[in-house]
């Protein structure tokens, strides 16, 4: 049977400050994500999905299995897409071209993405994904849902569950979304798109 483990962060816990504090990373990664991993491992025996990948579980399961596997998949993509803050981070190459093609400009994409994140009711995620033809789309996914369930390839995500930002931004979700652009590692997103 497959056992899942807590992903190692590709940076130090304080590396994303002041955008995301060490304290938020500690709770978000060390408590929330760790809890999803432990829950999924406890739910897998007897599920018929003991050898399935996270993507397979997310596309085939329901209830607790789906919720915990989805949160692991979402958080691994989320935590894996960041780097130390830097002003004016921008995509390059084919991804940059696709953003301009599908949204008109990088600024128009950012505005649409932030609006989708700010207006998602309750808890969930906002995603930039690619369809089978490489067209980029922005989706709002509630709770633990992931664009793979729609046949899309997830590229970039922002977590709009309150535990992702409340310690640093309280109820100011739009401010959190605006700040995240400083830490998006567009090289990682470009690799996902390739």
N, C-alpha and C. Protein backbone atom coordinates (compact mmCIF):
# COMPACT_ATOMS: atom_id res chain seq x y z
N UNK A 1 0.85 -1.19 0.00
CA UNK A 1 0.00 0.00 0.00
C UNK A 1 0.89 1.24 0.00
N UNK A 2 0.49 2.21 -0.80
CA UNK A 2 1.20 3.48 -0.88
C UNK A 2 0.99 4.26 0.42
N UNK A 3 2.06 4.87 0.91
CA UNK A 3 1.97 5.76 2.07
C UNK A 3 2.41 7.15 1.62
N UNK A 4 1.62 8.13 1.96
CA UNK A 4 1.96 9.51 1.62
C UNK A 4 2.69 10.16 2.78
N UNK A 5 3.56 11.08 2.47
CA UNK A 5 4.31 11.79 3.50
C UNK A 5 4.24 13.29 3.25
N UNK A 6 4.50 14.04 4.30
CA UNK A 6 4.46 15.50 4.21
C UNK A 6 5.58 15.98 3.30
N UNK A 7 5.24 16.77 2.29
CA UNK A 7 6.26 17.28 1.38
C UNK A 7 7.25 18.17 2.13
N UNK A 8 8.49 18.13 1.70
CA UNK A 8 9.49 19.06 2.22
C UNK A 8 9.34 20.38 1.46
N UNK A 9 9.41 21.48 2.18
CA UNK A 9 9.34 22.78 1.52
C UNK A 9 10.63 23.02 0.73
N UNK A 10 10.53 23.61 -0.46
CA UNK A 10 11.73 23.89 -1.26
C UNK A 10 12.43 25.19 -0.85
N UNK A 11 12.13 25.70 0.33
CA UNK A 11 12.71 26.95 0.84
C UNK A 11 12.59 26.92 2.36
N UNK A 12 13.32 27.80 3.03
CA UNK A 12 13.24 27.90 4.49
C UNK A 12 11.87 28.47 4.89
N UNK A 13 11.37 28.13 6.09
CA UNK A 13 10.04 28.60 6.50
C UNK A 13 9.89 30.12 6.51
N UNK A 14 10.99 30.84 6.69
CA UNK A 14 10.91 32.30 6.71
C UNK A 14 11.20 32.94 5.35
N UNK A 15 11.47 32.13 4.34
CA UNK A 15 11.92 32.63 3.04
C UNK A 15 10.89 33.50 2.32
N UNK A 16 9.62 33.32 2.62
CA UNK A 16 8.58 34.05 1.89
C UNK A 16 8.14 35.33 2.60
N UNK A 17 8.76 35.64 3.74
CA UNK A 17 8.40 36.86 4.48
C UNK A 17 8.80 38.08 3.67
N UNK A 18 8.04 39.18 3.74
CA UNK A 18 6.87 39.40 4.58
C UNK A 18 5.55 38.96 3.94
N UNK A 19 5.59 38.38 2.75
CA UNK A 19 4.35 38.01 2.07
C UNK A 19 3.60 36.92 2.84
N UNK A 20 4.32 35.86 3.21
CA UNK A 20 3.77 34.80 4.07
C UNK A 20 4.76 34.61 5.21
N UNK A 21 4.28 34.76 6.42
CA UNK A 21 5.16 34.69 7.59
C UNK A 21 5.57 33.26 7.92
N UNK A 22 6.68 33.16 8.63
CA UNK A 22 7.15 31.86 9.14
C UNK A 22 6.05 31.19 9.98
N UNK A 23 5.33 32.00 10.76
CA UNK A 23 4.27 31.47 11.61
C UNK A 23 3.15 30.85 10.76
N UNK A 24 2.75 31.55 9.69
CA UNK A 24 1.72 30.99 8.81
C UNK A 24 2.21 29.71 8.14
N UNK A 25 3.45 29.70 7.67
CA UNK A 25 4.01 28.48 7.07
C UNK A 25 3.97 27.34 8.09
N UNK A 26 4.33 27.63 9.33
CA UNK A 26 4.33 26.60 10.36
C UNK A 26 2.96 25.97 10.56
N UNK A 27 1.92 26.80 10.63
CA UNK A 27 0.57 26.27 10.78
C UNK A 27 0.05 25.64 9.50
N UNK A 28 0.23 26.34 8.39
CA UNK A 28 -0.36 25.91 7.12
C UNK A 28 0.28 24.61 6.63
N UNK A 29 1.61 24.58 6.59
CA UNK A 29 2.32 23.39 6.13
C UNK A 29 2.44 22.35 7.25
N UNK A 30 2.90 22.80 8.41
CA UNK A 30 3.22 21.86 9.48
C UNK A 30 2.03 21.28 10.22
N UNK A 31 0.90 21.95 10.18
CA UNK A 31 -0.29 21.45 10.89
C UNK A 31 -1.40 21.04 9.90
N UNK A 32 -1.84 21.98 9.06
CA UNK A 32 -2.95 21.68 8.15
C UNK A 32 -2.57 20.60 7.14
N UNK A 33 -1.50 20.82 6.38
CA UNK A 33 -1.12 19.84 5.36
C UNK A 33 -0.72 18.52 6.01
N UNK A 34 0.01 18.57 7.12
CA UNK A 34 0.38 17.33 7.81
C UNK A 34 -0.87 16.56 8.23
N UNK A 35 -1.90 17.26 8.68
CA UNK A 35 -3.15 16.61 9.06
C UNK A 35 -3.81 15.90 7.89
N UNK A 36 -3.82 16.54 6.71
CA UNK A 36 -4.40 15.90 5.53
C UNK A 36 -3.64 14.63 5.16
N UNK A 37 -2.31 14.67 5.27
CA UNK A 37 -1.49 13.49 4.97
C UNK A 37 -1.83 12.36 5.92
N UNK A 38 -1.86 12.65 7.22
CA UNK A 38 -2.18 11.62 8.21
C UNK A 38 -3.58 11.06 7.99
N UNK A 39 -4.54 11.93 7.71
CA UNK A 39 -5.92 11.47 7.47
C UNK A 39 -6.01 10.57 6.25
N UNK A 40 -5.35 10.96 5.15
CA UNK A 40 -5.42 10.14 3.94
C UNK A 40 -4.81 8.77 4.18
N UNK A 41 -3.66 8.72 4.83
CA UNK A 41 -3.03 7.43 5.11
C UNK A 41 -3.93 6.53 5.96
N UNK A 42 -4.69 7.12 6.87
CA UNK A 42 -5.61 6.34 7.71
C UNK A 42 -6.83 5.86 6.94
N UNK A 43 -7.24 6.62 5.92
CA UNK A 43 -8.44 6.27 5.15
C UNK A 43 -8.18 5.30 4.00
N UNK A 44 -6.94 5.19 3.54
CA UNK A 44 -6.65 4.37 2.36
C UNK A 44 -6.90 2.87 2.52
N UNK A 45 -6.54 2.24 3.65
CA UNK A 45 -6.74 0.79 3.73
C UNK A 45 -8.20 0.38 3.50
N UNK A 46 -8.39 -0.55 2.58
CA UNK A 46 -9.72 -1.04 2.27
C UNK A 46 -10.53 -0.17 1.32
N UNK A 47 -9.92 0.91 0.82
CA UNK A 47 -10.64 1.85 -0.05
C UNK A 47 -10.68 1.40 -1.51
N UNK A 48 -9.79 0.47 -1.88
CA UNK A 48 -9.66 0.11 -3.28
C UNK A 48 -8.74 1.05 -4.04
N UNK A 49 -8.22 2.07 -3.33
CA UNK A 49 -7.33 3.05 -3.96
C UNK A 49 -5.95 3.06 -3.28
N UNK A 50 -5.59 1.94 -2.68
CA UNK A 50 -4.35 1.88 -1.89
C UNK A 50 -3.10 2.17 -2.70
N UNK A 51 -3.11 1.91 -4.00
CA UNK A 51 -1.93 2.14 -4.84
C UNK A 51 -2.12 3.33 -5.78
N UNK A 52 -3.21 4.04 -5.66
CA UNK A 52 -3.52 5.14 -6.58
C UNK A 52 -2.66 6.36 -6.30
N UNK A 53 -2.43 7.14 -7.34
CA UNK A 53 -1.76 8.43 -7.18
C UNK A 53 -2.76 9.44 -6.61
N UNK A 54 -2.26 10.56 -6.15
CA UNK A 54 -3.15 11.61 -5.66
C UNK A 54 -4.16 12.02 -6.72
N UNK A 55 -3.67 12.21 -7.97
CA UNK A 55 -4.56 12.62 -9.05
C UNK A 55 -5.66 11.59 -9.28
N UNK A 56 -5.31 10.30 -9.23
CA UNK A 56 -6.30 9.25 -9.42
C UNK A 56 -7.34 9.26 -8.30
N UNK A 57 -6.86 9.45 -7.07
CA UNK A 57 -7.80 9.49 -5.94
C UNK A 57 -8.74 10.68 -6.10
N UNK A 58 -8.20 11.83 -6.45
CA UNK A 58 -9.01 13.04 -6.60
C UNK A 58 -10.07 12.86 -7.69
N UNK A 59 -9.74 12.15 -8.73
CA UNK A 59 -10.69 11.96 -9.83
C UNK A 59 -11.68 10.82 -9.59
N UNK A 60 -11.37 9.91 -8.65
CA UNK A 60 -12.22 8.73 -8.48
C UNK A 60 -12.93 8.65 -7.13
N UNK A 61 -12.44 9.34 -6.12
CA UNK A 61 -12.97 9.17 -4.77
C UNK A 61 -14.03 10.21 -4.44
N UNK A 62 -14.63 10.03 -3.29
CA UNK A 62 -15.58 11.01 -2.75
C UNK A 62 -15.36 11.08 -1.24
N UNK A 63 -16.08 11.98 -0.60
CA UNK A 63 -16.02 12.07 0.85
C UNK A 63 -14.63 12.39 1.38
N UNK A 64 -14.29 11.76 2.50
CA UNK A 64 -13.02 12.02 3.17
C UNK A 64 -11.80 11.72 2.33
N UNK A 65 -11.86 10.64 1.54
CA UNK A 65 -10.72 10.33 0.66
C UNK A 65 -10.46 11.47 -0.32
N UNK A 66 -11.52 11.93 -0.97
CA UNK A 66 -11.38 13.04 -1.91
C UNK A 66 -10.88 14.30 -1.20
N UNK A 67 -11.49 14.63 -0.08
CA UNK A 67 -11.12 15.86 0.61
C UNK A 67 -9.66 15.89 1.02
N UNK A 68 -9.17 14.80 1.60
CA UNK A 68 -7.79 14.78 2.06
C UNK A 68 -6.79 14.66 0.91
N UNK A 69 -7.07 13.81 -0.07
CA UNK A 69 -6.18 13.70 -1.23
C UNK A 69 -6.16 15.01 -2.01
N UNK A 70 -7.33 15.63 -2.18
CA UNK A 70 -7.39 16.90 -2.90
C UNK A 70 -6.60 17.99 -2.19
N UNK A 71 -6.71 18.04 -0.89
CA UNK A 71 -5.96 19.06 -0.15
C UNK A 71 -4.45 18.80 -0.23
N UNK A 72 -4.03 17.55 -0.23
CA UNK A 72 -2.60 17.27 -0.37
C UNK A 72 -2.13 17.71 -1.76
N UNK A 73 -2.84 17.29 -2.80
CA UNK A 73 -2.46 17.66 -4.16
C UNK A 73 -2.43 19.18 -4.31
N UNK A 74 -3.47 19.85 -3.86
CA UNK A 74 -3.53 21.31 -3.98
C UNK A 74 -2.39 21.98 -3.25
N UNK A 75 -2.14 21.55 -2.01
CA UNK A 75 -1.09 22.19 -1.22
C UNK A 75 0.31 21.90 -1.77
N UNK A 76 0.54 20.71 -2.31
CA UNK A 76 1.85 20.43 -2.90
C UNK A 76 2.11 21.35 -4.10
N UNK A 77 1.10 21.58 -4.92
CA UNK A 77 1.24 22.51 -6.04
C UNK A 77 1.43 23.94 -5.51
N UNK A 78 0.67 24.31 -4.49
CA UNK A 78 0.75 25.65 -3.90
C UNK A 78 2.12 25.92 -3.30
N UNK A 79 2.56 25.09 -2.37
CA UNK A 79 3.84 25.33 -1.71
C UNK A 79 5.02 25.19 -2.67
N UNK A 80 4.87 24.40 -3.72
CA UNK A 80 5.96 24.20 -4.67
C UNK A 80 6.13 25.30 -5.70
N UNK A 81 5.28 26.31 -5.69
CA UNK A 81 5.31 27.34 -6.74
C UNK A 81 5.90 28.66 -6.28
N UNK A 82 6.46 28.72 -5.07
CA UNK A 82 6.91 29.99 -4.52
C UNK A 82 8.42 30.07 -4.40
N UNK A 83 8.91 31.31 -4.33
CA UNK A 83 10.32 31.61 -4.08
C UNK A 83 10.37 32.92 -3.30
N UNK A 84 11.53 33.26 -2.78
CA UNK A 84 11.69 34.48 -1.98
C UNK A 84 11.13 35.69 -2.72
N UNK A 85 10.54 36.65 -1.99
CA UNK A 85 9.91 37.81 -2.62
C UNK A 85 10.86 38.59 -3.54
N UNK A 86 10.30 39.01 -4.65
CA UNK A 86 11.03 39.82 -5.62
C UNK A 86 10.01 40.65 -6.38
N UNK A 87 10.28 41.91 -6.51
CA UNK A 87 9.35 42.80 -7.21
C UNK A 87 9.29 42.46 -8.70
N UNK A 88 8.14 42.68 -9.28
CA UNK A 88 7.92 42.58 -10.72
C UNK A 88 8.27 41.21 -11.30
N UNK A 89 7.85 40.15 -10.63
CA UNK A 89 8.00 38.81 -11.20
C UNK A 89 7.03 38.67 -12.36
N UNK A 90 7.51 38.09 -13.45
CA UNK A 90 6.66 37.94 -14.64
C UNK A 90 6.96 36.61 -15.32
N UNK A 91 5.95 36.02 -15.96
CA UNK A 91 6.19 34.81 -16.73
C UNK A 91 7.01 35.13 -17.98
N UNK A 92 7.63 34.09 -18.53
CA UNK A 92 8.44 34.25 -19.74
C UNK A 92 8.09 33.15 -20.73
N UNK A 93 8.60 33.29 -21.93
CA UNK A 93 8.50 32.24 -22.94
C UNK A 93 7.08 31.90 -23.34
N UNK A 94 6.85 30.59 -23.56
CA UNK A 94 5.55 30.13 -24.07
C UNK A 94 4.41 30.44 -23.12
N UNK A 95 4.67 30.38 -21.82
CA UNK A 95 3.62 30.70 -20.85
C UNK A 95 3.23 32.16 -20.97
N UNK A 96 4.20 33.05 -21.06
CA UNK A 96 3.91 34.48 -21.20
C UNK A 96 3.11 34.74 -22.48
N UNK A 97 3.49 34.08 -23.55
CA UNK A 97 2.76 34.23 -24.82
C UNK A 97 1.32 33.73 -24.69
N UNK A 98 1.14 32.61 -23.99
CA UNK A 98 -0.21 32.06 -23.82
C UNK A 98 -1.08 32.97 -22.95
N UNK A 99 -0.48 33.57 -21.94
CA UNK A 99 -1.24 34.50 -21.08
C UNK A 99 -1.72 35.69 -21.90
N UNK A 100 -0.85 36.26 -22.72
CA UNK A 100 -1.25 37.39 -23.56
C UNK A 100 -2.31 36.94 -24.57
N UNK A 101 -2.12 35.78 -25.16
CA UNK A 101 -3.08 35.26 -26.14
C UNK A 101 -4.47 35.07 -25.52
N UNK A 102 -4.51 34.51 -24.32
CA UNK A 102 -5.80 34.11 -23.73
C UNK A 102 -6.44 35.15 -22.81
N UNK A 103 -5.64 36.14 -22.36
CA UNK A 103 -6.19 37.15 -21.45
C UNK A 103 -5.96 38.59 -21.93
N UNK A 104 -5.18 38.78 -22.98
CA UNK A 104 -4.94 40.11 -23.51
C UNK A 104 -3.66 40.74 -23.03
N UNK A 105 -3.32 40.52 -21.76
CA UNK A 105 -2.07 41.03 -21.19
C UNK A 105 -1.85 40.34 -19.84
N UNK A 106 -0.63 40.43 -19.34
CA UNK A 106 -0.33 39.87 -18.02
C UNK A 106 -1.13 40.61 -16.95
N UNK A 107 -1.26 41.92 -17.09
CA UNK A 107 -2.01 42.71 -16.12
C UNK A 107 -3.49 42.32 -16.11
N UNK A 108 -4.07 42.08 -17.29
CA UNK A 108 -5.47 41.66 -17.37
C UNK A 108 -5.65 40.28 -16.74
N UNK A 109 -4.69 39.38 -16.95
CA UNK A 109 -4.74 38.06 -16.32
C UNK A 109 -4.71 38.21 -14.81
N UNK A 110 -3.77 38.99 -14.28
CA UNK A 110 -3.66 39.15 -12.83
C UNK A 110 -4.97 39.70 -12.24
N UNK A 111 -5.55 40.67 -12.92
CA UNK A 111 -6.80 41.26 -12.44
C UNK A 111 -7.92 40.22 -12.41
N UNK A 112 -8.05 39.43 -13.46
CA UNK A 112 -9.09 38.40 -13.52
C UNK A 112 -8.84 37.31 -12.47
N UNK A 113 -7.58 36.94 -12.28
CA UNK A 113 -7.23 35.89 -11.32
C UNK A 113 -7.52 36.36 -9.90
N UNK A 114 -7.11 37.57 -9.58
CA UNK A 114 -7.36 38.11 -8.24
C UNK A 114 -8.86 38.25 -7.98
N UNK A 115 -9.61 38.68 -8.98
CA UNK A 115 -11.06 38.82 -8.81
C UNK A 115 -11.69 37.46 -8.53
N UNK A 116 -11.25 36.43 -9.26
CA UNK A 116 -11.78 35.08 -9.03
C UNK A 116 -11.46 34.61 -7.62
N UNK A 117 -10.27 34.91 -7.14
CA UNK A 117 -9.90 34.52 -5.78
C UNK A 117 -10.64 35.30 -4.72
N UNK A 118 -10.83 36.58 -4.96
CA UNK A 118 -11.49 37.45 -3.97
C UNK A 118 -12.99 37.17 -3.89
N UNK A 119 -13.59 36.68 -4.97
CA UNK A 119 -15.05 36.51 -4.99
C UNK A 119 -15.49 35.06 -4.77
N UNK A 120 -14.55 34.15 -4.60
CA UNK A 120 -14.93 32.76 -4.30
C UNK A 120 -15.57 32.73 -2.92
N UNK A 121 -16.81 32.30 -2.84
CA UNK A 121 -17.51 32.27 -1.57
C UNK A 121 -17.01 31.10 -0.73
N UNK A 122 -16.73 31.37 0.52
CA UNK A 122 -16.30 30.32 1.42
C UNK A 122 -14.86 29.94 1.19
N UNK A 123 -14.56 28.65 1.34
CA UNK A 123 -13.19 28.16 1.25
C UNK A 123 -12.94 27.48 -0.08
N UNK A 124 -11.72 27.61 -0.56
CA UNK A 124 -11.37 26.96 -1.81
C UNK A 124 -10.09 27.50 -2.40
N UNK A 125 -10.02 27.42 -3.72
CA UNK A 125 -8.80 27.71 -4.47
C UNK A 125 -9.17 28.42 -5.77
N UNK A 126 -8.27 29.29 -6.23
CA UNK A 126 -8.39 29.84 -7.57
C UNK A 126 -7.20 29.29 -8.36
N UNK A 127 -7.45 28.90 -9.60
CA UNK A 127 -6.45 28.19 -10.41
C UNK A 127 -6.28 28.83 -11.79
N UNK A 128 -5.04 28.78 -12.27
CA UNK A 128 -4.75 28.95 -13.68
C UNK A 128 -4.40 27.55 -14.18
N UNK A 129 -5.12 27.10 -15.18
CA UNK A 129 -4.90 25.76 -15.73
C UNK A 129 -4.87 25.83 -17.25
N UNK A 130 -4.41 24.73 -17.84
CA UNK A 130 -4.40 24.62 -19.30
C UNK A 130 -5.31 23.47 -19.71
N UNK A 131 -6.06 23.68 -20.79
CA UNK A 131 -6.85 22.56 -21.31
C UNK A 131 -5.97 21.71 -22.22
N UNK A 132 -6.56 20.68 -22.82
CA UNK A 132 -5.77 19.74 -23.63
C UNK A 132 -5.11 20.39 -24.84
N UNK A 133 -5.62 21.56 -25.26
CA UNK A 133 -5.04 22.28 -26.40
C UNK A 133 -4.07 23.37 -25.97
N UNK A 134 -3.83 23.51 -24.66
CA UNK A 134 -2.91 24.53 -24.16
C UNK A 134 -3.55 25.87 -23.87
N UNK A 135 -4.88 25.98 -24.07
CA UNK A 135 -5.59 27.23 -23.75
C UNK A 135 -5.65 27.39 -22.25
N UNK A 136 -5.38 28.60 -21.78
CA UNK A 136 -5.37 28.88 -20.35
C UNK A 136 -6.76 29.29 -19.87
N UNK A 137 -7.12 28.80 -18.69
CA UNK A 137 -8.41 29.13 -18.09
C UNK A 137 -8.20 29.38 -16.60
N UNK A 138 -9.03 30.25 -16.05
CA UNK A 138 -9.06 30.51 -14.62
C UNK A 138 -10.32 29.84 -14.08
N UNK A 139 -10.16 29.06 -13.01
CA UNK A 139 -11.32 28.43 -12.38
C UNK A 139 -11.30 28.67 -10.88
N UNK A 140 -12.49 28.68 -10.32
CA UNK A 140 -12.68 28.70 -8.87
C UNK A 140 -13.05 27.28 -8.47
N UNK A 141 -12.36 26.73 -7.51
CA UNK A 141 -12.65 25.37 -7.04
C UNK A 141 -12.94 25.44 -5.54
N UNK A 142 -14.07 24.93 -5.12
CA UNK A 142 -14.44 24.98 -3.72
C UNK A 142 -13.79 23.84 -2.94
N UNK A 143 -13.60 24.09 -1.67
CA UNK A 143 -13.09 23.10 -0.72
C UNK A 143 -11.82 22.43 -1.23
N UNK A 144 -11.84 21.12 -1.49
CA UNK A 144 -10.63 20.40 -1.91
C UNK A 144 -10.62 20.06 -3.39
N UNK A 145 -11.50 20.65 -4.17
CA UNK A 145 -11.57 20.33 -5.60
C UNK A 145 -10.31 20.80 -6.32
N UNK A 146 -10.03 20.16 -7.45
CA UNK A 146 -8.83 20.45 -8.24
C UNK A 146 -9.22 20.42 -9.72
N UNK A 147 -8.60 21.25 -10.55
CA UNK A 147 -8.93 21.25 -11.98
C UNK A 147 -8.72 19.92 -12.70
N UNK A 148 -7.93 19.01 -12.14
CA UNK A 148 -7.77 17.70 -12.81
C UNK A 148 -9.11 17.00 -12.93
N UNK A 149 -10.04 17.30 -12.04
CA UNK A 149 -11.37 16.70 -12.10
C UNK A 149 -12.14 17.16 -13.34
N UNK A 150 -11.72 18.26 -13.94
CA UNK A 150 -12.35 18.80 -15.15
C UNK A 150 -11.54 18.47 -16.40
N UNK A 151 -10.49 17.66 -16.24
CA UNK A 151 -9.63 17.33 -17.37
C UNK A 151 -8.61 18.41 -17.69
N UNK A 152 -8.37 19.31 -16.75
CA UNK A 152 -7.42 20.40 -16.95
C UNK A 152 -6.09 20.10 -16.28
N UNK A 153 -5.05 20.79 -16.72
CA UNK A 153 -3.72 20.66 -16.14
C UNK A 153 -3.48 21.88 -15.24
N UNK A 154 -3.43 21.68 -13.90
CA UNK A 154 -3.24 22.82 -13.00
C UNK A 154 -1.83 23.39 -13.10
N UNK A 155 -1.73 24.72 -13.17
CA UNK A 155 -0.45 25.40 -13.31
C UNK A 155 -0.11 26.26 -12.09
N UNK A 156 -1.03 27.12 -11.70
CA UNK A 156 -0.82 28.10 -10.64
C UNK A 156 -2.05 28.12 -9.77
N UNK A 157 -1.85 28.21 -8.46
CA UNK A 157 -3.01 28.27 -7.57
C UNK A 157 -2.77 29.23 -6.43
N UNK A 158 -3.85 29.79 -5.94
CA UNK A 158 -3.82 30.57 -4.72
C UNK A 158 -4.88 30.01 -3.80
N UNK A 159 -4.46 29.73 -2.59
CA UNK A 159 -5.30 29.13 -1.56
C UNK A 159 -6.11 30.24 -0.90
N UNK A 160 -7.41 30.16 -0.96
CA UNK A 160 -8.23 31.18 -0.31
C UNK A 160 -9.00 30.62 0.89
N UNK A 161 -8.53 29.50 1.44
CA UNK A 161 -8.99 29.08 2.76
C UNK A 161 -8.38 30.07 3.75
N UNK A 162 -9.12 30.43 4.79
CA UNK A 162 -8.62 31.44 5.72
C UNK A 162 -7.31 31.04 6.39
N UNK A 163 -7.06 29.75 6.60
CA UNK A 163 -5.82 29.36 7.27
C UNK A 163 -4.58 29.74 6.45
N UNK A 164 -4.75 30.01 5.16
CA UNK A 164 -3.63 30.39 4.31
C UNK A 164 -3.17 31.82 4.55
N UNK A 165 -4.03 32.66 5.09
CA UNK A 165 -3.69 34.08 5.18
C UNK A 165 -4.12 34.78 6.46
N UNK A 166 -4.93 34.15 7.30
CA UNK A 166 -5.55 34.90 8.39
C UNK A 166 -4.55 35.46 9.40
N UNK A 167 -3.51 34.75 9.72
CA UNK A 167 -2.52 35.26 10.69
C UNK A 167 -1.84 36.52 10.18
N UNK A 168 -1.61 36.59 8.87
CA UNK A 168 -0.88 37.71 8.28
C UNK A 168 -1.80 38.83 7.77
N UNK A 169 -2.99 38.48 7.32
CA UNK A 169 -3.86 39.47 6.65
C UNK A 169 -5.25 39.59 7.26
N UNK A 170 -5.52 38.84 8.33
CA UNK A 170 -6.85 38.78 8.93
C UNK A 170 -7.91 38.50 7.85
N UNK A 171 -8.92 39.35 7.72
CA UNK A 171 -9.98 39.09 6.74
C UNK A 171 -9.73 39.77 5.40
N UNK A 172 -8.51 40.25 5.17
CA UNK A 172 -8.21 41.00 3.94
C UNK A 172 -7.71 40.06 2.83
N UNK A 173 -8.57 39.20 2.36
CA UNK A 173 -8.20 38.25 1.31
C UNK A 173 -7.65 38.94 0.07
N UNK A 174 -8.27 40.02 -0.44
CA UNK A 174 -7.71 40.68 -1.63
C UNK A 174 -6.28 41.17 -1.44
N UNK A 175 -5.93 41.66 -0.25
CA UNK A 175 -4.56 42.10 0.01
C UNK A 175 -3.59 40.93 -0.05
N UNK A 176 -4.01 39.81 0.49
CA UNK A 176 -3.20 38.59 0.43
C UNK A 176 -2.96 38.17 -1.02
N UNK A 177 -4.01 38.16 -1.82
CA UNK A 177 -3.88 37.77 -3.22
C UNK A 177 -2.95 38.70 -3.98
N UNK A 178 -3.05 40.00 -3.71
CA UNK A 178 -2.17 40.97 -4.37
C UNK A 178 -0.71 40.73 -4.01
N UNK A 179 -0.46 40.44 -2.74
CA UNK A 179 0.92 40.24 -2.27
C UNK A 179 1.56 38.97 -2.84
N UNK A 180 0.76 37.95 -3.11
CA UNK A 180 1.32 36.67 -3.55
C UNK A 180 2.09 36.77 -4.87
N UNK A 181 1.78 37.75 -5.71
CA UNK A 181 2.51 37.87 -6.98
C UNK A 181 4.01 38.05 -6.76
N UNK A 182 4.40 38.60 -5.62
CA UNK A 182 5.82 38.83 -5.32
C UNK A 182 6.59 37.53 -5.10
N UNK A 183 5.88 36.43 -4.80
CA UNK A 183 6.58 35.18 -4.49
C UNK A 183 6.31 34.06 -5.50
N UNK A 184 5.48 34.31 -6.52
CA UNK A 184 5.24 33.28 -7.53
C UNK A 184 6.54 33.06 -8.32
N UNK A 185 6.96 31.81 -8.38
CA UNK A 185 8.14 31.44 -9.16
C UNK A 185 7.66 31.03 -10.55
N UNK A 186 7.70 31.98 -11.48
CA UNK A 186 7.15 31.74 -12.81
C UNK A 186 7.92 30.68 -13.59
N UNK A 187 9.17 30.42 -13.20
CA UNK A 187 9.91 29.33 -13.86
C UNK A 187 9.24 27.99 -13.56
N UNK A 188 8.76 27.80 -12.33
CA UNK A 188 8.05 26.57 -11.96
C UNK A 188 6.75 26.48 -12.75
N UNK A 189 6.00 27.58 -12.82
CA UNK A 189 4.72 27.57 -13.54
C UNK A 189 4.96 27.29 -15.02
N UNK A 190 6.00 27.87 -15.58
CA UNK A 190 6.35 27.62 -16.98
C UNK A 190 6.68 26.16 -17.24
N UNK A 191 7.37 25.52 -16.31
CA UNK A 191 7.68 24.10 -16.44
C UNK A 191 6.41 23.25 -16.41
N UNK A 192 5.47 23.64 -15.55
CA UNK A 192 4.21 22.91 -15.49
C UNK A 192 3.44 23.04 -16.80
N UNK A 193 3.57 24.20 -17.44
CA UNK A 193 2.84 24.45 -18.69
C UNK A 193 3.48 23.71 -19.87
N UNK A 194 4.79 23.53 -19.83
CA UNK A 194 5.53 22.94 -20.97
C UNK A 194 5.05 21.55 -21.32
